[in-house]
N, C-alpha and C. Protein backbone atom coordinates (compact mmCIF):
# COMPACT_ATOMS: atom_id res chain seq x y z
N MET A 1 -6.34 29.87 -23.89
CA MET A 1 -6.45 28.46 -23.55
C MET A 1 -7.90 28.03 -23.42
N ASP A 2 -8.75 28.88 -22.81
CA ASP A 2 -10.17 28.54 -22.66
C ASP A 2 -10.82 28.32 -24.03
N GLU A 3 -10.46 29.16 -25.00
CA GLU A 3 -11.03 29.03 -26.34
C GLU A 3 -10.59 27.71 -26.98
N LEU A 4 -9.32 27.35 -26.80
CA LEU A 4 -8.81 26.09 -27.35
C LEU A 4 -9.52 24.90 -26.71
N ILE A 5 -9.75 24.96 -25.40
CA ILE A 5 -10.48 23.89 -24.71
C ILE A 5 -11.90 23.79 -25.25
N ASP A 6 -12.56 24.93 -25.47
CA ASP A 6 -13.93 24.92 -26.01
C ASP A 6 -13.97 24.27 -27.39
N TYR A 7 -13.03 24.62 -28.27
CA TYR A 7 -12.96 24.00 -29.59
C TYR A 7 -12.77 22.49 -29.48
N PHE A 8 -11.85 22.10 -28.59
CA PHE A 8 -11.53 20.69 -28.42
C PHE A 8 -12.75 19.92 -27.91
N LEU A 9 -13.41 20.47 -26.88
CA LEU A 9 -14.60 19.81 -26.33
C LEU A 9 -15.72 19.71 -27.37
N SER A 10 -15.93 20.78 -28.12
CA SER A 10 -16.96 20.75 -29.15
C SER A 10 -16.65 19.71 -30.21
N ALA A 11 -15.38 19.58 -30.54
CA ALA A 11 -14.98 18.63 -31.58
C ALA A 11 -15.18 17.18 -31.15
N ILE A 12 -14.87 16.89 -29.89
CA ILE A 12 -14.91 15.48 -29.48
C ILE A 12 -16.25 15.07 -28.87
N GLU A 13 -17.18 16.00 -28.68
CA GLU A 13 -18.47 15.62 -28.07
C GLU A 13 -19.33 14.81 -29.03
N ASN A 14 -19.00 14.83 -30.31
CA ASN A 14 -19.79 14.15 -31.32
C ASN A 14 -19.16 12.80 -31.67
N GLU A 15 -19.96 11.74 -31.60
CA GLU A 15 -19.44 10.38 -31.83
C GLU A 15 -18.86 10.21 -33.24
N THR A 16 -19.51 10.80 -34.25
CA THR A 16 -19.01 10.68 -35.62
C THR A 16 -17.65 11.36 -35.75
N ARG A 17 -17.49 12.52 -35.14
CA ARG A 17 -16.20 13.20 -35.20
C ARG A 17 -15.12 12.39 -34.49
N ARG A 18 -15.46 11.77 -33.37
CA ARG A 18 -14.47 10.93 -32.67
C ARG A 18 -14.08 9.75 -33.55
N GLU A 19 -15.04 9.16 -34.25
CA GLU A 19 -14.74 8.03 -35.13
C GLU A 19 -13.86 8.47 -36.30
N ILE A 20 -14.13 9.65 -36.85
CA ILE A 20 -13.28 10.18 -37.92
C ILE A 20 -11.85 10.35 -37.41
N LEU A 21 -11.69 10.92 -36.22
CA LEU A 21 -10.35 11.10 -35.66
C LEU A 21 -9.65 9.76 -35.46
N ARG A 22 -10.39 8.75 -34.95
CA ARG A 22 -9.79 7.41 -34.78
C ARG A 22 -9.29 6.88 -36.12
N MET A 23 -10.13 7.00 -37.15
CA MET A 23 -9.75 6.50 -38.48
C MET A 23 -8.51 7.21 -39.00
N LEU A 24 -8.47 8.52 -38.82
CA LEU A 24 -7.34 9.28 -39.36
C LEU A 24 -6.05 9.02 -38.61
N THR A 25 -6.13 8.62 -37.34
CA THR A 25 -4.89 8.26 -36.63
C THR A 25 -4.32 6.95 -37.16
N MET A 26 -5.18 6.14 -37.78
CA MET A 26 -4.69 4.90 -38.38
C MET A 26 -4.14 5.12 -39.78
N ASP A 27 -4.78 6.01 -40.53
CA ASP A 27 -4.37 6.24 -41.90
C ASP A 27 -5.05 7.50 -42.45
N PRO A 28 -4.31 8.39 -43.13
CA PRO A 28 -4.97 9.52 -43.79
C PRO A 28 -6.05 9.00 -44.74
N SER A 29 -7.14 9.74 -44.88
CA SER A 29 -8.27 9.24 -45.67
C SER A 29 -9.05 10.40 -46.27
N TYR A 30 -10.08 10.04 -47.07
CA TYR A 30 -10.94 11.03 -47.72
C TYR A 30 -12.39 10.74 -47.38
N ALA A 31 -13.26 11.70 -47.65
CA ALA A 31 -14.65 11.64 -47.20
C ALA A 31 -15.40 10.41 -47.66
N LEU A 32 -15.30 10.04 -48.93
CA LEU A 32 -16.06 8.90 -49.44
C LEU A 32 -15.66 7.61 -48.73
N GLU A 33 -14.36 7.42 -48.54
CA GLU A 33 -13.89 6.22 -47.84
C GLU A 33 -14.40 6.19 -46.40
N MET A 34 -14.35 7.33 -45.72
CA MET A 34 -14.84 7.40 -44.34
C MET A 34 -16.34 7.16 -44.29
N SER A 35 -17.05 7.68 -45.27
CA SER A 35 -18.49 7.49 -45.36
C SER A 35 -18.84 6.01 -45.43
N ARG A 36 -18.13 5.28 -46.27
CA ARG A 36 -18.37 3.83 -46.41
C ARG A 36 -18.08 3.07 -45.12
N LYS A 37 -16.96 3.42 -44.48
CA LYS A 37 -16.55 2.70 -43.27
C LYS A 37 -17.44 3.02 -42.06
N ILE A 38 -17.85 4.29 -41.93
CA ILE A 38 -18.66 4.68 -40.78
C ILE A 38 -20.13 4.39 -41.01
N GLY A 39 -20.55 4.42 -42.26
CA GLY A 39 -21.95 4.09 -42.58
C GLY A 39 -22.89 5.28 -42.54
N ILE A 40 -22.38 6.47 -42.82
CA ILE A 40 -23.25 7.64 -42.95
C ILE A 40 -22.92 8.34 -44.27
N SER A 41 -23.75 9.27 -44.67
CA SER A 41 -23.59 9.92 -45.99
C SER A 41 -22.29 10.70 -46.09
N GLN A 42 -21.83 10.83 -47.32
CA GLN A 42 -20.62 11.61 -47.56
C GLN A 42 -20.85 13.07 -47.18
N GLN A 43 -22.05 13.56 -47.39
CA GLN A 43 -22.37 14.94 -47.03
C GLN A 43 -22.22 15.14 -45.51
N ALA A 44 -22.69 14.17 -44.74
CA ALA A 44 -22.55 14.26 -43.28
C ALA A 44 -21.08 14.21 -42.87
N ILE A 45 -20.29 13.38 -43.54
CA ILE A 45 -18.85 13.30 -43.25
C ILE A 45 -18.18 14.63 -43.57
N ASN A 46 -18.52 15.20 -44.74
CA ASN A 46 -17.93 16.50 -45.13
C ASN A 46 -18.23 17.58 -44.10
N LYS A 47 -19.43 17.56 -43.56
CA LYS A 47 -19.81 18.54 -42.54
C LYS A 47 -18.92 18.39 -41.29
N GLN A 48 -18.69 17.15 -40.88
CA GLN A 48 -17.85 16.89 -39.71
C GLN A 48 -16.37 17.19 -40.00
N LEU A 49 -15.92 16.91 -41.22
CA LEU A 49 -14.54 17.22 -41.59
C LEU A 49 -14.31 18.74 -41.54
N TYR A 50 -15.30 19.48 -42.01
CA TYR A 50 -15.20 20.95 -41.97
C TYR A 50 -15.05 21.42 -40.52
N PHE A 51 -15.85 20.86 -39.63
CA PHE A 51 -15.81 21.24 -38.21
C PHE A 51 -14.45 20.89 -37.61
N LEU A 52 -13.96 19.68 -37.88
CA LEU A 52 -12.68 19.24 -37.31
C LEU A 52 -11.52 20.06 -37.86
N GLU A 53 -11.60 20.43 -39.13
CA GLU A 53 -10.54 21.24 -39.72
C GLU A 53 -10.55 22.65 -39.10
N LYS A 54 -11.74 23.20 -38.92
CA LYS A 54 -11.87 24.53 -38.31
C LYS A 54 -11.35 24.51 -36.87
N ALA A 55 -11.57 23.41 -36.16
CA ALA A 55 -11.09 23.26 -34.78
C ALA A 55 -9.59 22.99 -34.72
N GLY A 56 -8.96 22.75 -35.87
CA GLY A 56 -7.52 22.52 -35.91
C GLY A 56 -7.10 21.10 -35.57
N LEU A 57 -8.04 20.16 -35.58
CA LEU A 57 -7.70 18.78 -35.22
C LEU A 57 -7.36 17.91 -36.42
N ILE A 58 -7.67 18.40 -37.62
CA ILE A 58 -7.26 17.70 -38.84
C ILE A 58 -6.77 18.75 -39.84
N ALA A 59 -6.03 18.29 -40.85
CA ALA A 59 -5.54 19.20 -41.88
C ALA A 59 -5.56 18.48 -43.22
N LEU A 60 -5.66 19.25 -44.27
CA LEU A 60 -5.60 18.69 -45.62
C LEU A 60 -4.19 18.19 -45.86
N ASP A 61 -4.08 16.93 -46.33
CA ASP A 61 -2.78 16.31 -46.54
C ASP A 61 -2.46 16.19 -48.02
N GLY A 62 -3.38 16.61 -48.86
CA GLY A 62 -3.16 16.53 -50.31
C GLY A 62 -4.45 16.16 -51.02
N VAL A 63 -4.36 16.06 -52.33
CA VAL A 63 -5.51 15.73 -53.17
C VAL A 63 -5.08 14.63 -54.14
N ILE A 64 -5.96 13.63 -54.31
CA ILE A 64 -5.67 12.59 -55.30
C ILE A 64 -6.79 12.57 -56.33
N PRO A 65 -6.45 12.26 -57.59
CA PRO A 65 -7.49 12.22 -58.62
C PRO A 65 -8.45 11.06 -58.40
N SER A 66 -9.66 11.22 -58.94
CA SER A 66 -10.68 10.16 -58.86
C SER A 66 -11.23 9.92 -60.25
N SER A 67 -11.42 8.66 -60.59
CA SER A 67 -11.98 8.33 -61.91
C SER A 67 -13.50 8.47 -61.93
N THR A 68 -14.11 8.61 -60.74
CA THR A 68 -15.58 8.66 -60.67
C THR A 68 -16.13 10.02 -60.27
N GLY A 69 -15.28 11.02 -60.12
CA GLY A 69 -15.78 12.32 -59.70
C GLY A 69 -14.66 13.31 -59.48
N PRO A 70 -14.93 14.33 -58.67
CA PRO A 70 -13.89 15.34 -58.42
C PRO A 70 -12.73 14.74 -57.63
N PRO A 71 -11.58 15.43 -57.62
CA PRO A 71 -10.43 14.93 -56.85
C PRO A 71 -10.79 14.76 -55.37
N ARG A 72 -10.15 13.80 -54.75
CA ARG A 72 -10.44 13.49 -53.35
C ARG A 72 -9.46 14.20 -52.44
N ARG A 73 -10.01 14.88 -51.44
CA ARG A 73 -9.20 15.60 -50.46
C ARG A 73 -8.82 14.62 -49.34
N ILE A 74 -7.53 14.45 -49.13
CA ILE A 74 -7.02 13.53 -48.11
C ILE A 74 -6.74 14.32 -46.84
N TYR A 75 -7.22 13.81 -45.71
CA TYR A 75 -7.03 14.47 -44.41
C TYR A 75 -6.15 13.63 -43.50
N ARG A 76 -5.46 14.34 -42.61
CA ARG A 76 -4.64 13.68 -41.59
C ARG A 76 -4.89 14.39 -40.25
N PRO A 77 -4.65 13.72 -39.12
CA PRO A 77 -4.86 14.35 -37.81
C PRO A 77 -3.71 15.30 -37.47
N THR A 78 -4.01 16.35 -36.69
CA THR A 78 -2.98 17.31 -36.25
C THR A 78 -3.30 17.77 -34.83
N ASN A 79 -2.38 18.55 -34.25
CA ASN A 79 -2.59 19.20 -32.94
C ASN A 79 -3.08 18.22 -31.87
N PHE A 80 -2.20 17.35 -31.44
CA PHE A 80 -2.57 16.28 -30.51
C PHE A 80 -2.53 16.78 -29.07
N HIS A 81 -3.54 16.38 -28.28
CA HIS A 81 -3.67 16.83 -26.89
C HIS A 81 -4.22 15.72 -26.00
N THR A 82 -4.05 15.93 -24.72
CA THR A 82 -4.75 15.15 -23.70
C THR A 82 -5.66 16.12 -22.96
N LEU A 83 -6.91 15.74 -22.82
CA LEU A 83 -7.90 16.55 -22.12
C LEU A 83 -8.19 15.91 -20.77
N VAL A 84 -8.09 16.70 -19.70
CA VAL A 84 -8.37 16.19 -18.35
C VAL A 84 -9.51 17.03 -17.78
N PHE A 85 -10.56 16.34 -17.36
CA PHE A 85 -11.74 17.00 -16.81
C PHE A 85 -11.96 16.49 -15.39
N ASP A 86 -11.86 17.39 -14.42
CA ASP A 86 -12.08 17.04 -13.01
C ASP A 86 -13.37 17.67 -12.55
N TYR A 87 -14.25 16.87 -11.99
CA TYR A 87 -15.54 17.34 -11.50
C TYR A 87 -15.72 16.77 -10.10
N SER A 88 -15.54 17.63 -9.09
CA SER A 88 -15.63 17.17 -7.71
C SER A 88 -16.68 18.01 -6.98
N PRO A 89 -17.00 17.67 -5.74
CA PRO A 89 -18.00 18.46 -5.01
C PRO A 89 -17.61 19.94 -4.84
N ASN A 90 -16.31 20.25 -4.87
CA ASN A 90 -15.87 21.62 -4.61
C ASN A 90 -15.17 22.32 -5.76
N PHE A 91 -14.95 21.65 -6.86
CA PHE A 91 -14.33 22.34 -8.00
C PHE A 91 -14.59 21.60 -9.31
N VAL A 92 -14.50 22.37 -10.38
CA VAL A 92 -14.56 21.84 -11.75
C VAL A 92 -13.32 22.40 -12.44
N ARG A 93 -12.56 21.51 -13.06
CA ARG A 93 -11.34 21.97 -13.72
C ARG A 93 -11.15 21.20 -15.02
N VAL A 94 -10.84 21.94 -16.07
CA VAL A 94 -10.58 21.34 -17.38
C VAL A 94 -9.20 21.82 -17.82
N LYS A 95 -8.35 20.88 -18.15
CA LYS A 95 -7.01 21.22 -18.61
C LYS A 95 -6.71 20.47 -19.90
N LEU A 96 -6.02 21.17 -20.77
CA LEU A 96 -5.63 20.60 -22.05
C LEU A 96 -4.10 20.58 -22.09
N TYR A 97 -3.54 19.40 -22.29
CA TYR A 97 -2.09 19.26 -22.34
C TYR A 97 -1.66 18.90 -23.76
N ASP A 98 -0.69 19.61 -24.24
CA ASP A 98 -0.17 19.38 -25.59
C ASP A 98 0.64 18.09 -25.61
N LEU A 99 0.42 17.27 -26.61
CA LEU A 99 1.20 16.04 -26.78
C LEU A 99 2.19 16.27 -27.91
N THR A 100 3.39 16.67 -27.54
CA THR A 100 4.40 16.91 -28.56
C THR A 100 5.02 15.59 -28.98
N ASP A 101 5.64 15.60 -30.13
CA ASP A 101 6.30 14.39 -30.61
C ASP A 101 7.44 14.03 -29.68
N GLU A 102 7.44 12.79 -29.24
CA GLU A 102 8.54 12.34 -28.39
C GLU A 102 9.67 11.85 -29.27
N ASP A 103 10.75 11.46 -28.67
CA ASP A 103 11.91 10.97 -29.41
C ASP A 103 11.58 9.58 -29.96
N GLU A 104 11.10 9.55 -31.22
CA GLU A 104 10.72 8.27 -31.82
C GLU A 104 11.92 7.35 -32.01
N ASP A 105 13.11 7.95 -32.23
CA ASP A 105 14.30 7.12 -32.45
C ASP A 105 14.59 6.25 -31.24
N ALA A 106 14.41 6.81 -30.01
CA ALA A 106 14.67 6.03 -28.79
C ALA A 106 13.68 4.88 -28.68
N THR A 107 12.40 5.15 -29.01
CA THR A 107 11.38 4.10 -28.95
C THR A 107 11.67 3.02 -29.97
N LEU A 108 11.98 3.42 -31.19
CA LEU A 108 12.29 2.45 -32.25
C LEU A 108 13.53 1.64 -31.87
N SER A 109 14.51 2.29 -31.25
CA SER A 109 15.73 1.61 -30.83
C SER A 109 15.40 0.53 -29.79
N SER A 110 14.50 0.85 -28.84
CA SER A 110 14.10 -0.15 -27.83
C SER A 110 13.45 -1.35 -28.47
N ILE A 111 12.60 -1.11 -29.47
CA ILE A 111 11.91 -2.21 -30.15
C ILE A 111 12.91 -3.06 -30.92
N LYS A 112 13.85 -2.41 -31.59
CA LYS A 112 14.86 -3.14 -32.37
C LYS A 112 15.78 -3.95 -31.47
N ASN A 113 15.96 -3.50 -30.22
CA ASN A 113 16.85 -4.19 -29.28
C ASN A 113 16.13 -5.29 -28.51
N GLY A 114 15.03 -5.79 -29.03
CA GLY A 114 14.38 -6.94 -28.43
C GLY A 114 13.13 -6.65 -27.62
N GLU A 115 12.82 -5.39 -27.36
CA GLU A 115 11.58 -5.08 -26.64
C GLU A 115 10.39 -5.46 -27.51
N LYS A 116 9.38 -6.03 -26.88
CA LYS A 116 8.18 -6.40 -27.62
C LYS A 116 7.18 -5.25 -27.56
N PRO A 117 6.77 -4.73 -28.72
CA PRO A 117 5.91 -3.54 -28.72
C PRO A 117 4.58 -3.72 -27.98
N ILE A 118 3.95 -4.88 -28.08
CA ILE A 118 2.67 -5.10 -27.39
C ILE A 118 2.89 -5.11 -25.88
N SER A 119 3.98 -5.74 -25.45
CA SER A 119 4.32 -5.75 -24.02
C SER A 119 4.60 -4.33 -23.53
N MET A 120 5.28 -3.54 -24.37
CA MET A 120 5.55 -2.16 -24.02
C MET A 120 4.26 -1.37 -23.87
N LEU A 121 3.30 -1.59 -24.78
CA LEU A 121 2.00 -0.90 -24.69
C LEU A 121 1.27 -1.27 -23.40
N ARG A 122 1.28 -2.57 -23.06
CA ARG A 122 0.61 -3.00 -21.83
C ARG A 122 1.24 -2.34 -20.60
N GLU A 123 2.57 -2.31 -20.58
CA GLU A 123 3.27 -1.72 -19.45
C GLU A 123 2.95 -0.22 -19.34
N ILE A 124 2.95 0.46 -20.47
CA ILE A 124 2.63 1.89 -20.47
C ILE A 124 1.21 2.12 -19.96
N ASP A 125 0.25 1.32 -20.44
CA ASP A 125 -1.14 1.47 -19.99
C ASP A 125 -1.27 1.22 -18.48
N GLN A 126 -0.55 0.23 -17.96
CA GLN A 126 -0.58 -0.05 -16.53
C GLN A 126 0.00 1.12 -15.73
N ARG A 127 1.09 1.70 -16.23
CA ARG A 127 1.69 2.85 -15.56
C ARG A 127 0.75 4.05 -15.57
N ILE A 128 0.09 4.28 -16.70
CA ILE A 128 -0.86 5.39 -16.80
C ILE A 128 -2.01 5.17 -15.81
N ASP A 129 -2.53 3.94 -15.74
CA ASP A 129 -3.61 3.64 -14.80
C ASP A 129 -3.18 3.91 -13.36
N LYS A 130 -1.95 3.53 -13.02
CA LYS A 130 -1.45 3.75 -11.66
C LYS A 130 -1.33 5.26 -11.37
N ILE A 131 -0.82 6.00 -12.34
CA ILE A 131 -0.71 7.45 -12.18
C ILE A 131 -2.10 8.06 -11.99
N MET A 132 -3.09 7.59 -12.73
CA MET A 132 -4.45 8.13 -12.61
C MET A 132 -5.06 7.80 -11.24
N GLU A 133 -4.75 6.61 -10.70
CA GLU A 133 -5.23 6.28 -9.35
C GLU A 133 -4.60 7.23 -8.32
N GLU A 134 -3.29 7.46 -8.43
CA GLU A 134 -2.61 8.39 -7.53
C GLU A 134 -3.17 9.80 -7.70
N ARG A 135 -3.44 10.18 -8.93
CA ARG A 135 -4.00 11.50 -9.23
C ARG A 135 -5.38 11.65 -8.56
N GLY A 136 -6.17 10.56 -8.62
CA GLY A 136 -7.49 10.58 -7.98
C GLY A 136 -7.39 10.82 -6.48
N GLU A 137 -6.41 10.20 -5.85
CA GLU A 137 -6.21 10.40 -4.41
C GLU A 137 -5.81 11.85 -4.11
N LEU A 138 -4.92 12.41 -4.93
CA LEU A 138 -4.53 13.81 -4.75
C LEU A 138 -5.70 14.76 -4.96
N LEU A 139 -6.57 14.44 -5.91
CA LEU A 139 -7.74 15.29 -6.15
C LEU A 139 -8.71 15.27 -4.97
N LYS A 140 -8.80 14.13 -4.28
CA LYS A 140 -9.64 14.07 -3.08
C LYS A 140 -9.10 14.99 -2.00
N VAL A 141 -7.77 15.00 -1.84
CA VAL A 141 -7.15 15.90 -0.87
C VAL A 141 -7.38 17.35 -1.28
N ARG A 142 -7.19 17.63 -2.56
CA ARG A 142 -7.43 18.99 -3.08
C ARG A 142 -8.87 19.43 -2.79
N ASP A 143 -9.82 18.55 -3.01
CA ASP A 143 -11.22 18.85 -2.77
C ASP A 143 -11.46 19.19 -1.29
N SER A 144 -10.85 18.44 -0.38
CA SER A 144 -11.00 18.70 1.06
C SER A 144 -10.42 20.06 1.45
N ILE A 145 -9.26 20.39 0.88
CA ILE A 145 -8.64 21.68 1.18
C ILE A 145 -9.52 22.83 0.68
N ILE A 146 -10.05 22.69 -0.54
CA ILE A 146 -10.92 23.73 -1.09
C ILE A 146 -12.18 23.87 -0.25
N SER A 147 -12.72 22.76 0.21
CA SER A 147 -13.91 22.80 1.07
C SER A 147 -13.63 23.62 2.34
N ALA A 148 -12.48 23.35 2.98
CA ALA A 148 -12.11 24.08 4.19
C ALA A 148 -11.88 25.57 3.89
N LEU A 149 -11.22 25.85 2.78
CA LEU A 149 -10.98 27.25 2.40
C LEU A 149 -12.28 27.99 2.10
N ARG A 150 -13.23 27.32 1.48
CA ARG A 150 -14.52 27.96 1.20
C ARG A 150 -15.24 28.36 2.49
N GLU A 151 -15.18 27.49 3.49
CA GLU A 151 -15.79 27.83 4.78
C GLU A 151 -15.10 29.04 5.39
N GLU A 152 -13.77 29.07 5.34
CA GLU A 152 -13.02 30.20 5.90
C GLU A 152 -13.35 31.49 5.15
N ILE A 153 -13.43 31.40 3.83
CA ILE A 153 -13.75 32.59 3.01
C ILE A 153 -15.16 33.08 3.34
N GLY A 154 -16.09 32.17 3.53
CA GLY A 154 -17.45 32.54 3.89
C GLY A 154 -17.51 33.29 5.21
N ARG A 155 -16.66 32.89 6.17
CA ARG A 155 -16.62 33.57 7.48
C ARG A 155 -15.87 34.90 7.41
N LYS A 156 -14.79 34.94 6.64
CA LYS A 156 -13.89 36.08 6.63
C LYS A 156 -14.40 37.27 5.81
N TYR A 157 -15.07 37.01 4.70
CA TYR A 157 -15.45 38.09 3.80
C TYR A 157 -16.97 38.29 3.79
N SER A 158 -17.39 39.49 4.19
CA SER A 158 -18.83 39.77 4.18
C SER A 158 -19.26 40.40 2.85
N ASP A 159 -18.30 41.06 2.15
CA ASP A 159 -18.69 41.67 0.87
C ASP A 159 -18.52 40.67 -0.27
N SER A 160 -19.45 40.74 -1.22
CA SER A 160 -19.49 39.76 -2.31
C SER A 160 -18.29 39.86 -3.25
N VAL A 161 -17.72 41.05 -3.43
CA VAL A 161 -16.59 41.23 -4.35
C VAL A 161 -15.36 40.48 -3.83
N SER A 162 -15.02 40.70 -2.56
CA SER A 162 -13.87 40.02 -1.97
C SER A 162 -14.08 38.51 -1.93
N ARG A 163 -15.30 38.11 -1.57
CA ARG A 163 -15.62 36.67 -1.51
C ARG A 163 -15.45 36.03 -2.88
N GLU A 164 -15.99 36.69 -3.93
CA GLU A 164 -15.87 36.12 -5.28
C GLU A 164 -14.41 36.03 -5.71
N ALA A 165 -13.63 37.09 -5.44
CA ALA A 165 -12.22 37.08 -5.83
C ALA A 165 -11.48 35.95 -5.12
N ALA A 166 -11.73 35.78 -3.82
CA ALA A 166 -11.06 34.72 -3.05
C ALA A 166 -11.47 33.34 -3.56
N LEU A 167 -12.77 33.15 -3.83
CA LEU A 167 -13.24 31.85 -4.33
C LEU A 167 -12.65 31.54 -5.71
N ARG A 168 -12.61 32.55 -6.56
CA ARG A 168 -12.02 32.34 -7.89
C ARG A 168 -10.53 32.03 -7.78
N TYR A 169 -9.87 32.68 -6.82
CA TYR A 169 -8.43 32.45 -6.67
C TYR A 169 -8.14 31.01 -6.24
N ILE A 170 -8.89 30.49 -5.26
CA ILE A 170 -8.59 29.11 -4.82
C ILE A 170 -8.93 28.10 -5.92
N ASP A 171 -9.76 28.53 -6.88
CA ASP A 171 -10.07 27.65 -8.03
C ASP A 171 -8.93 27.64 -9.04
N SER A 172 -8.34 28.82 -9.32
CA SER A 172 -7.33 28.91 -10.38
C SER A 172 -5.90 29.11 -9.89
N LEU A 173 -5.74 29.68 -8.68
CA LEU A 173 -4.43 30.06 -8.14
C LEU A 173 -3.69 31.00 -9.08
N ASP A 174 -4.44 31.85 -9.77
CA ASP A 174 -3.88 32.77 -10.76
C ASP A 174 -4.47 34.16 -10.54
N VAL A 175 -3.66 35.05 -9.94
CA VAL A 175 -4.12 36.39 -9.59
C VAL A 175 -4.56 37.17 -10.82
N VAL A 176 -3.78 37.08 -11.89
CA VAL A 176 -4.10 37.82 -13.12
C VAL A 176 -5.43 37.34 -13.71
N ASP A 177 -5.64 36.03 -13.71
CA ASP A 177 -6.90 35.48 -14.23
C ASP A 177 -8.09 35.95 -13.39
N VAL A 178 -7.93 35.98 -12.07
CA VAL A 178 -9.00 36.46 -11.18
C VAL A 178 -9.30 37.93 -11.46
N ALA A 179 -8.24 38.73 -11.61
CA ALA A 179 -8.43 40.16 -11.90
C ALA A 179 -9.18 40.35 -13.21
N ARG A 180 -8.81 39.58 -14.21
CA ARG A 180 -9.46 39.68 -15.53
C ARG A 180 -10.94 39.29 -15.46
N LYS A 181 -11.24 38.22 -14.74
CA LYS A 181 -12.62 37.71 -14.69
C LYS A 181 -13.53 38.53 -13.77
N THR A 182 -12.95 39.19 -12.78
CA THR A 182 -13.78 39.96 -11.84
C THR A 182 -13.75 41.46 -12.10
N GLY A 183 -12.77 41.92 -12.89
CA GLY A 183 -12.64 43.35 -13.14
C GLY A 183 -11.99 44.10 -11.98
N ILE A 184 -11.40 43.37 -11.05
CA ILE A 184 -10.73 43.96 -9.89
C ILE A 184 -9.24 44.12 -10.24
N PRO A 185 -8.60 45.23 -9.85
CA PRO A 185 -7.16 45.39 -10.10
C PRO A 185 -6.35 44.26 -9.44
N VAL A 186 -5.25 43.90 -10.07
CA VAL A 186 -4.39 42.82 -9.56
C VAL A 186 -3.96 43.11 -8.12
N SER A 187 -3.59 44.34 -7.83
CA SER A 187 -3.11 44.68 -6.48
C SER A 187 -4.21 44.43 -5.43
N MET A 188 -5.46 44.70 -5.80
CA MET A 188 -6.58 44.46 -4.87
C MET A 188 -6.80 42.96 -4.67
N VAL A 189 -6.69 42.20 -5.75
CA VAL A 189 -6.83 40.74 -5.64
C VAL A 189 -5.74 40.20 -4.73
N GLN A 190 -4.51 40.69 -4.91
CA GLN A 190 -3.39 40.24 -4.07
C GLN A 190 -3.65 40.56 -2.59
N ALA A 191 -4.21 41.72 -2.32
CA ALA A 191 -4.52 42.10 -0.93
C ALA A 191 -5.59 41.19 -0.34
N ILE A 192 -6.58 40.85 -1.13
CA ILE A 192 -7.65 39.95 -0.67
C ILE A 192 -7.07 38.57 -0.36
N ILE A 193 -6.24 38.08 -1.24
CA ILE A 193 -5.66 36.74 -1.07
C ILE A 193 -4.74 36.70 0.14
N LYS A 194 -4.03 37.79 0.38
CA LYS A 194 -3.09 37.84 1.52
C LYS A 194 -3.78 37.60 2.84
N GLU A 195 -5.05 37.94 2.92
CA GLU A 195 -5.79 37.73 4.17
C GLU A 195 -6.04 36.25 4.47
N ILE A 196 -6.14 35.44 3.42
CA ILE A 196 -6.34 34.00 3.68
C ILE A 196 -5.05 33.19 3.51
N ASP A 197 -4.04 33.80 2.88
CA ASP A 197 -2.77 33.11 2.68
C ASP A 197 -1.62 34.09 2.89
N PRO A 198 -1.38 34.47 4.17
CA PRO A 198 -0.38 35.51 4.47
C PRO A 198 1.03 35.11 4.07
C-alpha cells in the first residue's frame, strides 16, 4: 500500500499530469490533442503520459490512424482512488481508498425518474463537505488522544526500542506493521503495547 501511495502522490504532484488526468476523465485522448489544449509540447505530454501509465493511472485505449504522421495512441483513465492526507501536531497519515464502480443503473434510474442531475451533484457535494467537517472534528479528538499517549509513553518507557515500538503502534494500530518497521518480533511488540493498553 505504501508503494501505491508513493506512485499516486508522485503522479498527482505535477500540475501537467493533473490536467492530463482531468482531460482524460472527460474524454479519451491522444498526445497531440492534449498538447494543443494544455499548451505545452507534444514531447512534454508524452513524457507525462509515460509516467502516468507507469503509475497505473492511465491505460492505452487503442490506436487510430493519422493522415499527418504515425498512428495516434488513445489513452483513458484507470485505477480510481481518493487520497486522504492528515497532518496534525501529533500525527501524519496518508490513506488511499479505492473508488470502485458503483451501481450506475440505480443512479441512471434516479435521473430518469425525475431527479435533476445538477441538483443531485450539489446535494452530494454538500453531504461530502459535512462529512469532512465531522471528520475534522474527529481528527482533533484523535490528535488529543495521541498527545496524551505520547506523554504516557515518554514516562513509561526508558529504553528507545520499546518507546519507538509504542509510538509507532499508536500511529498505525497495526502490530505486524510495527514489527516489520522496527525489526522487533510481533510477540514483543504485543507485550510492549499491553503495558499501555491492558
